[in-house]
Amino acid sequence: MYLVAIGWMYVVLMAAIVEALGSDGTVLGAVFTFLLWGLLPLTIVMHLLRTPTRHRERQARAAAAAAAAAAADGSAPLDPDGGGHAAGEAIAPERKEP
């Protein structure tokens, strides 16, 4: 992803240099070429491509904060084996013969 972004910025930079040094080009035109063909579209694309990562990071931060809050007030469920299932009876109930 970053390699394509670097390549695109290189191409836009070269176009801006040609715009600035061309016979009917101007430095102002080069600046606008760089901003409107390079920087602005690239920031939008990179923001959109990073959206799933930002979403996962936000969920991980929320889960970590909830776990820390639960551990701080002692309401964290006891799950000694980490299996995620409901805890059963530690000792089987005694059955009486009829």
PDB file of N, CA and C in Angstrom:
ATOM      1  N   MET A   1       0.830  -1.179   0.000  1.00  0.00           N
ATOM      2  CA  MET A   1       0.000   0.000   0.000  1.00  0.00           C
ATOM      3  C   MET A   1       0.880   1.249   0.000  1.00  0.00           C
ATOM      4  N   TYR A   2       1.912   1.246   0.857  1.00  0.00           N
ATOM      5  CA  TYR A   2       2.767   2.430   0.932  1.00  0.00           C
ATOM      6  C   TYR A   2       3.651   2.572  -0.303  1.00  0.00           C
ATOM      7  N   LEU A   3       4.014   1.451  -0.917  1.00  0.00           N
ATOM      8  CA  LEU A   3       4.844   1.513  -2.117  1.00  0.00           C
ATOM      9  C   LEU A   3       4.099   2.208  -3.257  1.00  0.00           C
ATOM     10  N   VAL A   4       2.827   1.919  -3.407  1.00  0.00           N
ATOM     11  CA  VAL A   4       2.021   2.576  -4.434  1.00  0.00           C
ATOM     12  C   VAL A   4       1.881   4.066  -4.129  1.00  0.00           C
ATOM     13  N   ALA A   5       1.707   4.401  -2.864  1.00  0.00           N
ATOM     14  CA  ALA A   5       1.593   5.808  -2.479  1.00  0.00           C
ATOM     15  C   ALA A   5       2.891   6.563  -2.764  1.00  0.00           C
ATOM     16  N   ILE A   6       4.020   5.946  -2.453  1.00  0.00           N
ATOM     17  CA  ILE A   6       5.306   6.585  -2.734  1.00  0.00           C
ATOM     18  C   ILE A   6       5.501   6.755  -4.230  1.00  0.00           C
ATOM     19  N   GLY A   7       5.134   5.745  -5.002  1.00  0.00           N
ATOM     20  CA  GLY A   7       5.246   5.838  -6.459  1.00  0.00           C
ATOM     21  C   GLY A   7       4.359   6.939  -7.030  1.00  0.00           C
ATOM     22  N   TRP A   8       3.140   7.032  -6.535  1.00  0.00           N
ATOM     23  CA  TRP A   8       2.226   8.070  -7.023  1.00  0.00           C
ATOM     24  C   TRP A   8       2.751   9.464  -6.686  1.00  0.00           C
ATOM     25  N   MET A   9       3.270   9.628  -5.480  1.00  0.00           N
ATOM     26  CA  MET A   9       3.813  10.931  -5.106  1.00  0.00           C
ATOM     27  C   MET A   9       5.046  11.283  -5.952  1.00  0.00           C
ATOM     28  N   TYR A  10       5.843  10.293  -6.325  1.00  0.00           N
ATOM     29  CA  TYR A  10       6.990  10.543  -7.196  1.00  0.00           C
ATOM     30  C   TYR A  10       6.528  11.044  -8.561  1.00  0.00           C
ATOM     31  N   VAL A  11       5.523  10.379  -9.119  1.00  0.00           N
ATOM     32  CA  VAL A  11       5.003  10.784 -10.432  1.00  0.00           C
ATOM     33  C   VAL A  11       4.422  12.194 -10.364  1.00  0.00           C
ATOM     34  N   VAL A  12       3.673  12.486  -9.329  1.00  0.00           N
ATOM     35  CA  VAL A  12       3.075  13.814  -9.190  1.00  0.00           C
ATOM     36  C   VAL A  12       4.157  14.869  -8.964  1.00  0.00           C
ATOM     37  N   LEU A  13       5.186  14.548  -8.205  1.00  0.00           N
ATOM     38  CA  LEU A  13       6.282  15.479  -7.999  1.00  0.00           C
ATOM     39  C   LEU A  13       7.003  15.785  -9.313  1.00  0.00           C
ATOM     40  N   MET A  14       7.216  14.755 -10.111  1.00  0.00           N
ATOM     41  CA  MET A  14       7.848  14.980 -11.418  1.00  0.00           C
ATOM     42  C   MET A  14       6.955  15.843 -12.319  1.00  0.00           C
ATOM     43  N   ALA A  15       5.645  15.608 -12.281  1.00  0.00           N
ATOM     44  CA  ALA A  15       4.727  16.424 -13.072  1.00  0.00           C
ATOM     45  C   ALA A  15       4.742  17.873 -12.592  1.00  0.00           C
ATOM     46  N   ALA A  16       4.832  18.070 -11.287  1.00  0.00           N
ATOM     47  CA  ALA A  16       4.879  19.430 -10.749  1.00  0.00           C
ATOM     48  C   ALA A  16       6.186  20.127 -11.147  1.00  0.00           C
ATOM     49  N   ILE A  17       7.283  19.386 -11.156  1.00  0.00           N
ATOM     50  CA  ILE A  17       8.558  19.970 -11.575  1.00  0.00           C
ATOM     51  C   ILE A  17       8.509  20.372 -13.046  1.00  0.00           C
ATOM     52  N   VAL A  18       7.930  19.516 -13.867  1.00  0.00           N
ATOM     53  CA  VAL A  18       7.788  19.844 -15.289  1.00  0.00           C
ATOM     54  C   VAL A  18       6.887  21.064 -15.455  1.00  0.00           C
ATOM     55  N   GLU A  19       5.834  21.133 -14.669  1.00  0.00           N
ATOM     56  CA  GLU A  19       4.930  22.295 -14.718  1.00  0.00           C
ATOM     57  C   GLU A  19       5.672  23.575 -14.336  1.00  0.00           C
ATOM     58  N   ALA A  20       6.514  23.500 -13.322  1.00  0.00           N
ATOM     59  CA  ALA A  20       7.232  24.691 -12.868  1.00  0.00           C
ATOM     60  C   ALA A  20       8.312  25.116 -13.855  1.00  0.00           C
ATOM     61  N   LEU A  21       8.985  24.156 -14.475  1.00  0.00           N
ATOM     62  CA  LEU A  21      10.106  24.476 -15.351  1.00  0.00           C
ATOM     63  C   LEU A  21       9.726  24.556 -16.824  1.00  0.00           C
ATOM     64  N   GLY A  22       8.475  24.274 -17.141  1.00  0.00           N
ATOM     65  CA  GLY A  22       8.026  24.317 -18.535  1.00  0.00           C
ATOM     66  C   GLY A  22       7.998  25.737 -19.064  1.00  0.00           C
ATOM     67  N   SER A  23       7.910  25.841 -20.406  1.00  0.00           N
ATOM     68  CA  SER A  23       7.948  27.165 -21.034  1.00  0.00           C
ATOM     69  C   SER A  23       6.716  28.004 -20.680  1.00  0.00           C
ATOM     70  N   ASP A  24       5.514  27.416 -20.628  1.00  0.00           N
ATOM     71  CA  ASP A  24       4.353  28.204 -20.212  1.00  0.00           C
ATOM     72  C   ASP A  24       3.845  27.786 -18.843  1.00  0.00           C
ATOM     73  N   GLY A  25       4.645  27.112 -18.042  1.00  0.00           N
ATOM     74  CA  GLY A  25       4.232  26.713 -16.703  1.00  0.00           C
ATOM     75  C   GLY A  25       4.613  27.750 -15.667  1.00  0.00           C
ATOM     76  N   THR A  26       3.969  27.644 -14.527  1.00  0.00           N
ATOM     77  CA  THR A  26       4.246  28.575 -13.429  1.00  0.00           C
ATOM     78  C   THR A  26       4.486  27.773 -12.152  1.00  0.00           C
ATOM     79  N   VAL A  27       5.092  28.417 -11.177  1.00  0.00           N
ATOM     80  CA  VAL A  27       5.306  27.772  -9.886  1.00  0.00           C
ATOM     81  C   VAL A  27       3.969  27.572  -9.172  1.00  0.00           C
ATOM     82  N   LEU A  28       3.074  28.538  -9.332  1.00  0.00           N
ATOM     83  CA  LEU A  28       1.747  28.391  -8.730  1.00  0.00           C
ATOM     84  C   LEU A  28       1.019  27.186  -9.325  1.00  0.00           C
ATOM     85  N   GLY A  29       1.143  27.013 -10.634  1.00  0.00           N
ATOM     86  CA  GLY A  29       0.546  25.835 -11.276  1.00  0.00           C
ATOM     87  C   GLY A  29       1.162  24.546 -10.771  1.00  0.00           C
ATOM     88  N   ALA A  30       2.475  24.570 -10.502  1.00  0.00           N
ATOM     89  CA  ALA A  30       3.148  23.385  -9.973  1.00  0.00           C
ATOM     90  C   ALA A  30       2.647  23.059  -8.566  1.00  0.00           C
ATOM     91  N   VAL A  31       2.447  24.095  -7.760  1.00  0.00           N
ATOM     92  CA  VAL A  31       1.944  23.870  -6.399  1.00  0.00           C
ATOM     93  C   VAL A  31       0.545  23.277  -6.443  1.00  0.00           C
ATOM     94  N   PHE A  32      -0.308  23.829  -7.292  1.00  0.00           N
ATOM     95  CA  PHE A  32      -1.662  23.284  -7.407  1.00  0.00           C
ATOM     96  C   PHE A  32      -1.657  21.882  -8.005  1.00  0.00           C
ATOM     97  N   THR A  33      -0.765  21.618  -8.932  1.00  0.00           N
ATOM     98  CA  THR A  33      -0.641  20.259  -9.478  1.00  0.00           C
ATOM     99  C   THR A  33      -0.275  19.286  -8.370  1.00  0.00           C
ATOM    100  N   PHE A  34       0.700  19.667  -7.554  1.00  0.00           N
ATOM    101  CA  PHE A  34       1.124  18.783  -6.473  1.00  0.00           C
ATOM    102  C   PHE A  34       0.013  18.573  -5.450  1.00  0.00           C
ATOM    103  N   LEU A  35      -0.685  19.645  -5.099  1.00  0.00           N
ATOM    104  CA  LEU A  35      -1.736  19.528  -4.079  1.00  0.00           C
ATOM    105  C   LEU A  35      -2.973  18.803  -4.596  1.00  0.00           C
ATOM    106  N   LEU A  36      -3.453  19.177  -5.788  1.00  0.00           N
ATOM    107  CA  LEU A  36      -4.733  18.660  -6.271  1.00  0.00           C
ATOM    108  C   LEU A  36      -4.620  17.322  -6.995  1.00  0.00           C
ATOM    109  N   TRP A  37      -3.444  16.986  -7.525  1.00  0.00           N
ATOM    110  CA  TRP A  37      -3.260  15.704  -8.179  1.00  0.00           C
ATOM    111  C   TRP A  37      -2.535  14.709  -7.286  1.00  0.00           C
ATOM    112  N   GLY A  38      -1.862  15.201  -6.255  1.00  0.00           N
ATOM    113  CA  GLY A  38      -1.065  14.301  -5.432  1.00  0.00           C
ATOM    114  C   GLY A  38      -1.511  14.209  -4.000  1.00  0.00           C
ATOM    115  N   LEU A  39      -1.339  15.282  -3.265  1.00  0.00           N
ATOM    116  CA  LEU A  39      -1.533  15.222  -1.828  1.00  0.00           C
ATOM    117  C   LEU A  39      -2.995  14.997  -1.419  1.00  0.00           C
ATOM    118  N   LEU A  40      -3.905  15.735  -1.968  1.00  0.00           N
ATOM    119  CA  LEU A  40      -5.314  15.609  -1.589  1.00  0.00           C
ATOM    120  C   LEU A  40      -5.891  14.226  -1.928  1.00  0.00           C
ATOM    121  N   PRO A  41      -5.762  13.748  -3.184  1.00  0.00           N
ATOM    122  CA  PRO A  41      -6.312  12.413  -3.465  1.00  0.00           C
ATOM    123  C   PRO A  41      -5.628  11.302  -2.671  1.00  0.00           C
ATOM    124  N   LEU A  42      -4.317  11.451  -2.464  1.00  0.00           N
ATOM    125  CA  LEU A  42      -3.605  10.413  -1.735  1.00  0.00           C
ATOM    126  C   LEU A  42      -4.034  10.346  -0.278  1.00  0.00           C
ATOM    127  N   THR A  43      -4.264  11.476   0.357  1.00  0.00           N
ATOM    128  CA  THR A  43      -4.718  11.447   1.748  1.00  0.00           C
ATOM    129  C   THR A  43      -6.113  10.831   1.861  1.00  0.00           C
ATOM    130  N   ILE A  44      -6.964  11.106   0.895  1.00  0.00           N
ATOM    131  CA  ILE A  44      -8.311  10.510   0.918  1.00  0.00           C
ATOM    132  C   ILE A  44      -8.232   9.000   0.745  1.00  0.00           C
ATOM    133  N   VAL A  45      -7.446   8.547  -0.214  1.00  0.00           N
ATOM    134  CA  VAL A  45      -7.323   7.102  -0.473  1.00  0.00           C
ATOM    135  C   VAL A  45      -6.685   6.394   0.721  1.00  0.00           C
ATOM    136  N   MET A  46      -5.638   6.966   1.281  1.00  0.00           N
ATOM    137  CA  MET A  46      -4.983   6.329   2.420  1.00  0.00           C
ATOM    138  C   MET A  46      -5.915   6.287   3.634  1.00  0.00           C
ATOM    139  N   HIS A  47      -6.706   7.323   3.827  1.00  0.00           N
ATOM    140  CA  HIS A  47      -7.674   7.333   4.925  1.00  0.00           C
ATOM    141  C   HIS A  47      -8.708   6.219   4.729  1.00  0.00           C
ATOM    142  N   LEU A  48      -9.199   6.058   3.512  1.00  0.00           N
ATOM    143  CA  LEU A  48     -10.190   5.016   3.251  1.00  0.00           C
ATOM    144  C   LEU A  48      -9.596   3.616   3.375  1.00  0.00           C
ATOM    145  N   LEU A  49      -8.369   3.441   2.950  1.00  0.00           N
ATOM    146  CA  LEU A  49      -7.747   2.121   3.038  1.00  0.00           C
ATOM    147  C   LEU A  49      -7.395   1.747   4.481  1.00  0.00           C
ATOM    148  N   ARG A  50      -7.219   2.707   5.332  1.00  0.00           N
ATOM    149  CA  ARG A  50      -6.862   2.433   6.721  1.00  0.00           C
ATOM    150  C   ARG A  50      -8.081   2.310   7.629  1.00  0.00           C
ATOM    151  N   THR A  51      -9.282   2.490   7.106  1.00  0.00           N
ATOM    152  CA  THR A  51     -10.497   2.440   7.914  1.00  0.00           C
ATOM    153  C   THR A  51     -10.682   1.111   8.651  1.00  0.00           C
ATOM    154  N   PRO A  52     -10.523  -0.053   8.011  1.00  0.00           N
ATOM    155  CA  PRO A  52     -10.696  -1.305   8.771  1.00  0.00           C
ATOM    156  C   PRO A  52      -9.693  -1.449   9.916  1.00  0.00           C
ATOM    157  N   THR A  53      -8.477  -1.000   9.705  1.00  0.00           N
ATOM    158  CA  THR A  53      -7.464  -1.085  10.756  1.00  0.00           C
ATOM    159  C   THR A  53      -7.833  -0.189  11.930  1.00  0.00           C
ATOM    160  N   ARG A  54      -8.282   1.018  11.642  1.00  0.00           N
ATOM    161  CA  ARG A  54      -8.698   1.925  12.712  1.00  0.00           C
ATOM    162  C   ARG A  54      -9.874   1.338  13.491  1.00  0.00           C
ATOM    163  N   HIS A  55     -10.788   0.683  12.793  1.00  0.00           N
ATOM    164  CA  HIS A  55     -11.955   0.081  13.442  1.00  0.00           C
ATOM    165  C   HIS A  55     -11.509  -1.037  14.389  1.00  0.00           C
ATOM    166  N   ARG A  56     -10.595  -1.906  13.931  1.00  0.00           N
ATOM    167  CA  ARG A  56     -10.099  -2.983  14.777  1.00  0.00           C
ATOM    168  C   ARG A  56      -9.342  -2.433  15.985  1.00  0.00           C
ATOM    169  N   GLU A  57      -8.549  -1.394  15.783  1.00  0.00           N
ATOM    170  CA  GLU A  57      -7.812  -0.797  16.899  1.00  0.00           C
ATOM    171  C   GLU A  57      -8.769  -0.192  17.923  1.00  0.00           C
ATOM    172  N   ARG A  58      -9.829   0.450  17.460  1.00  0.00           N
ATOM    173  CA  ARG A  58     -10.808   1.045  18.370  1.00  0.00           C
ATOM    174  C   ARG A  58     -11.513  -0.039  19.178  1.00  0.00           C
ATOM    175  N   GLN A  59     -11.882  -1.159  18.531  1.00  0.00           N
ATOM    176  CA  GLN A  59     -12.528  -2.256  19.248  1.00  0.00           C
ATOM    177  C   GLN A  59     -11.579  -2.885  20.268  1.00  0.00           C
ATOM    178  N   ALA A  60     -10.306  -3.020  19.910  1.00  0.00           N
ATOM    179  CA  ALA A  60      -9.335  -3.598  20.838  1.00  0.00           C
ATOM    180  C   ALA A  60      -9.134  -2.691  22.045  1.00  0.00           C
ATOM    181  N   ARG A  61      -9.082  -1.369  21.815  1.00  0.00           N
ATOM    182  CA  ARG A  61      -8.949  -0.438  22.941  1.00  0.00           C
ATOM    183  C   ARG A  61     -10.170  -0.502  23.843  1.00  0.00           C
ATOM    184  N   ALA A  62     -11.365  -0.596  23.262  1.00  0.00           N
ATOM    185  CA  ALA A  62     -12.587  -0.673  24.064  1.00  0.00           C
ATOM    186  C   ALA A  62     -12.631  -1.965  24.864  1.00  0.00           C
ATOM    187  N   ALA A  63     -12.227  -3.081  24.256  1.00  0.00           N
ATOM    188  CA  ALA A  63     -12.217  -4.354  24.969  1.00  0.00           C
ATOM    189  C   ALA A  63     -11.194  -4.345  26.096  1.00  0.00           C
ATOM    190  N   ALA A  64     -10.036  -3.750  25.853  1.00  0.00           N
ATOM    191  CA  ALA A  64      -9.015  -3.676  26.895  1.00  0.00           C
ATOM    192  C   ALA A  64      -9.479  -2.782  28.038  1.00  0.00           C
ATOM    193  N   ALA A  65     -10.141  -1.691  27.713  1.00  0.00           N
ATOM    194  CA  ALA A  65     -10.649  -0.798  28.760  1.00  0.00           C
ATOM    195  C   ALA A  65     -11.744  -1.488  29.567  1.00  0.00           C
ATOM    196  N   ALA A  66     -12.612  -2.238  28.919  1.00  0.00           N
ATOM    197  CA  ALA A  66     -13.677  -2.949  29.634  1.00  0.00           C
ATOM    198  C   ALA A  66     -13.089  -4.038  30.526  1.00  0.00           C
ATOM    199  N   ALA A  67     -12.069  -4.737  30.044  1.00  0.00           N
ATOM    200  CA  ALA A  67     -11.441  -5.777  30.857  1.00  0.00           C
ATOM    201  C   ALA A  67     -10.723  -5.170  32.048  1.00  0.00           C
ATOM    202  N   ALA A  68     -10.069  -4.026  31.840  1.00  0.00           N
ATOM    203  CA  ALA A  68      -9.374  -3.366  32.938  1.00  0.00           C
ATOM    204  C   ALA A  68     -10.376  -2.853  33.974  1.00  0.00           C
ATOM    205  N   ALA A  69     -11.498  -2.331  33.523  1.00  0.00           N
ATOM    206  CA  ALA A  69     -12.514  -1.841  34.447  1.00  0.00           C
ATOM    207  C   ALA A  69     -13.135  -3.001  35.228  1.00  0.00           C
ATOM    208  N   ALA A  70     -13.367  -4.119  34.567  1.00  0.00           N
ATOM    209  CA  ALA A  70     -13.947  -5.280  35.241  1.00  0.00           C
ATOM    210  C   ALA A  70     -12.964  -5.851  36.255  1.00  0.00           C
ATOM    211  N   ALA A  71     -11.686  -5.862  35.920  1.00  0.00           N
ATOM    212  CA  ALA A  71     -10.685  -6.381  36.852  1.00  0.00           C
ATOM    213  C   ALA A  71     -10.500  -5.430  38.031  1.00  0.00           C
ATOM    214  N   ALA A  72     -10.656  -4.148  37.812  1.00  0.00           N
ATOM    215  CA  ALA A  72     -10.447  -3.171  38.875  1.00  0.00           C
ATOM    216  C   ALA A  72     -11.547  -3.238  39.935  1.00  0.00           C
ATOM    217  N   ASP A  73     -12.787  -3.486  39.502  1.00  0.00           N
ATOM    218  CA  ASP A  73     -13.865  -3.515  40.497  1.00  0.00           C
ATOM    219  C   ASP A  73     -14.185  -4.935  40.965  1.00  0.00           C
ATOM    220  N   GLY A  74     -13.441  -5.911  40.499  1.00  0.00           N
ATOM    221  CA  GLY A  74     -13.604  -7.276  40.988  1.00  0.00           C
ATOM    222  C   GLY A  74     -14.780  -8.011  40.403  1.00  0.00           C
ATOM    223  N   SER A  75     -15.406  -7.505  39.392  1.00  0.00           N
ATOM    224  CA  SER A  75     -16.559  -8.181  38.807  1.00  0.00           C
ATOM    225  C   SER A  75     -16.176  -9.059  37.626  1.00  0.00           C
ATOM    226  N   ALA A  76     -14.895  -9.315  37.453  1.00  0.00           N
ATOM    227  CA  ALA A  76     -14.464 -10.165  36.350  1.00  0.00           C
ATOM    228  C   ALA A  76     -14.911 -11.603  36.635  1.00  0.00           C
ATOM    229  N   PRO A  77     -15.471 -12.280  35.665  1.00  0.00           N
ATOM    230  CA  PRO A  77     -15.918 -13.654  35.887  1.00  0.00           C
ATOM    231  C   PRO A  77     -14.716 -14.577  36.094  1.00  0.00           C
ATOM    232  N   LEU A  78     -14.915 -15.564  36.944  1.00  0.00           N
ATOM    233  CA  LEU A  78     -13.857 -16.537  37.188  1.00  0.00           C
ATOM    234  C   LEU A  78     -13.885 -17.574  36.080  1.00  0.00           C
ATOM    235  N   ASP A  79     -12.800 -17.678  35.391  1.00  0.00           N
ATOM    236  CA  ASP A  79     -12.688 -18.641  34.305  1.00  0.00           C
ATOM    237  C   ASP A  79     -11.279 -19.226  34.371  1.00  0.00           C
ATOM    238  N   PRO A  80     -11.068 -20.191  35.273  1.00  0.00           N
ATOM    239  CA  PRO A  80      -9.707 -20.640  35.524  1.00  0.00           C
ATOM    240  C   PRO A  80      -9.033 -21.302  34.326  1.00  0.00           C
ATOM    241  N   ASP A  81      -9.778 -22.058  33.527  1.00  0.00           N
ATOM    242  CA  ASP A  81      -9.133 -22.734  32.411  1.00  0.00           C
ATOM    243  C   ASP A  81      -9.200 -21.942  31.112  1.00  0.00           C
ATOM    244  N   GLY A  82      -9.908 -20.850  31.092  1.00  0.00           N
ATOM    245  CA  GLY A  82      -9.981 -20.017  29.897  1.00  0.00           C
ATOM    246  C   GLY A  82     -10.755 -20.663  28.761  1.00  0.00           C
ATOM    247  N   GLY A  83     -11.587 -21.628  29.073  1.00  0.00           N
ATOM    248  CA  GLY A  83     -12.327 -22.327  28.034  1.00  0.00           C
ATOM    249  C   GLY A  83     -13.545 -21.582  27.547  1.00  0.00           C
ATOM    250  N   GLY A  84     -14.035 -20.654  28.319  1.00  0.00           N
ATOM    251  CA  GLY A  84     -15.172 -19.864  27.905  1.00  0.00           C
ATOM    252  C   GLY A  84     -16.513 -20.539  28.147  1.00  0.00           C
ATOM    253  N   HIS A  85     -16.542 -21.680  28.790  1.00  0.00           N
ATOM    254  CA  HIS A  85     -17.811 -22.354  29.058  1.00  0.00           C
ATOM    255  C   HIS A  85     -18.219 -22.131  30.508  1.00  0.00           C
ATOM    256  N   ALA A  86     -19.457 -22.441  30.803  1.00  0.00           N
ATOM    257  CA  ALA A  86     -19.952 -22.242  32.161  1.00  0.00           C
ATOM    258  C   ALA A  86     -19.276 -23.224  33.108  1.00  0.00           C
ATOM    259  N   ALA A  87     -18.982 -22.748  34.302  1.00  0.00           N
ATOM    260  CA  ALA A  87     -18.346 -23.609  35.288  1.00  0.00           C
ATOM    261  C   ALA A  87     -19.360 -24.607  35.826  1.00  0.00           C
ATOM    262  N   GLY A  88     -18.935 -25.837  35.982  1.00  0.00           N
ATOM    263  CA  GLY A  88     -19.810 -26.877  36.532  1.00  0.00           C
ATOM    264  C   GLY A  88     -19.589 -27.014  38.026  1.00  0.00           C
ATOM    265  N   GLU A  89     -20.219 -28.015  38.626  1.00  0.00           N
ATOM    266  CA  GLU A  89     -20.048 -28.286  40.043  1.00  0.00           C
ATOM    267  C   GLU A  89     -18.652 -28.842  40.274  1.00  0.00           C
ATOM    268  N   ALA A  90     -18.004 -28.398  41.322  1.00  0.00           N
ATOM    269  CA  ALA A  90     -16.672 -28.896  41.637  1.00  0.00           C
ATOM    270  C   ALA A  90     -16.734 -30.355  42.107  1.00  0.00           C
ATOM    271  N   ILE A  91     -17.794 -30.693  42.879  1.00  0.00           N
ATOM    272  CA  ILE A  91     -17.982 -32.066  43.366  1.00  0.00           C
ATOM    273  C   ILE A  91     -19.335 -32.525  42.856  1.00  0.00           C
ATOM    274  N   ALA A  92     -19.342 -33.728  42.301  1.00  0.00           N
ATOM    275  CA  ALA A  92     -20.602 -34.265  41.788  1.00  0.00           C
ATOM    276  C   ALA A  92     -21.578 -34.453  42.937  1.00  0.00           C
ATOM    277  N   PRO A  93     -22.865 -34.165  42.725  1.00  0.00           N
ATOM    278  CA  PRO A  93     -23.846 -34.343  43.793  1.00  0.00           C
ATOM    279  C   PRO A  93     -23.987 -35.837  44.144  1.00  0.00           C
ATOM    280  N   GLU A  94     -24.267 -36.097  45.428  1.00  0.00           N
ATOM    281  CA  GLU A  94     -24.416 -37.472  45.873  1.00  0.00           C
ATOM    282  C   GLU A  94     -25.794 -37.989  45.477  1.00  0.00           C
ATOM    283  N   ARG A  95     -25.786 -39.148  44.871  1.00  0.00           N
ATOM    284  CA  ARG A  95     -27.060 -39.739  44.459  1.00  0.00           C
ATOM    285  C   ARG A  95     -27.504 -40.746  45.516  1.00  0.00           C
ATOM    286  N   LYS A  96     -28.784 -40.719  45.867  1.00  0.00           N
ATOM    287  CA  LYS A  96     -29.322 -41.655  46.855  1.00  0.00           C
ATOM    288  C   LYS A  96     -30.045 -42.770  46.129  1.00  0.00           C
ATOM    289  N   GLU A  97     -29.862 -43.936  46.632  1.00  0.00           N
ATOM    290  CA  GLU A  97     -30.550 -45.093  46.057  1.00  0.00           C
ATOM    291  C   GLU A  97     -32.010 -45.059  46.487  1.00  0.00           C
ATOM    292  N   PRO A  98     -32.915 -45.403  45.596  1.00  0.00           N
ATOM    293  CA  PRO A  98     -34.343 -45.397  45.964  1.00  0.00           C
ATOM    294  C   PRO A  98     -34.736 -46.540  46.859  1.00  0.00           C
TER     295      PRO A  98
END
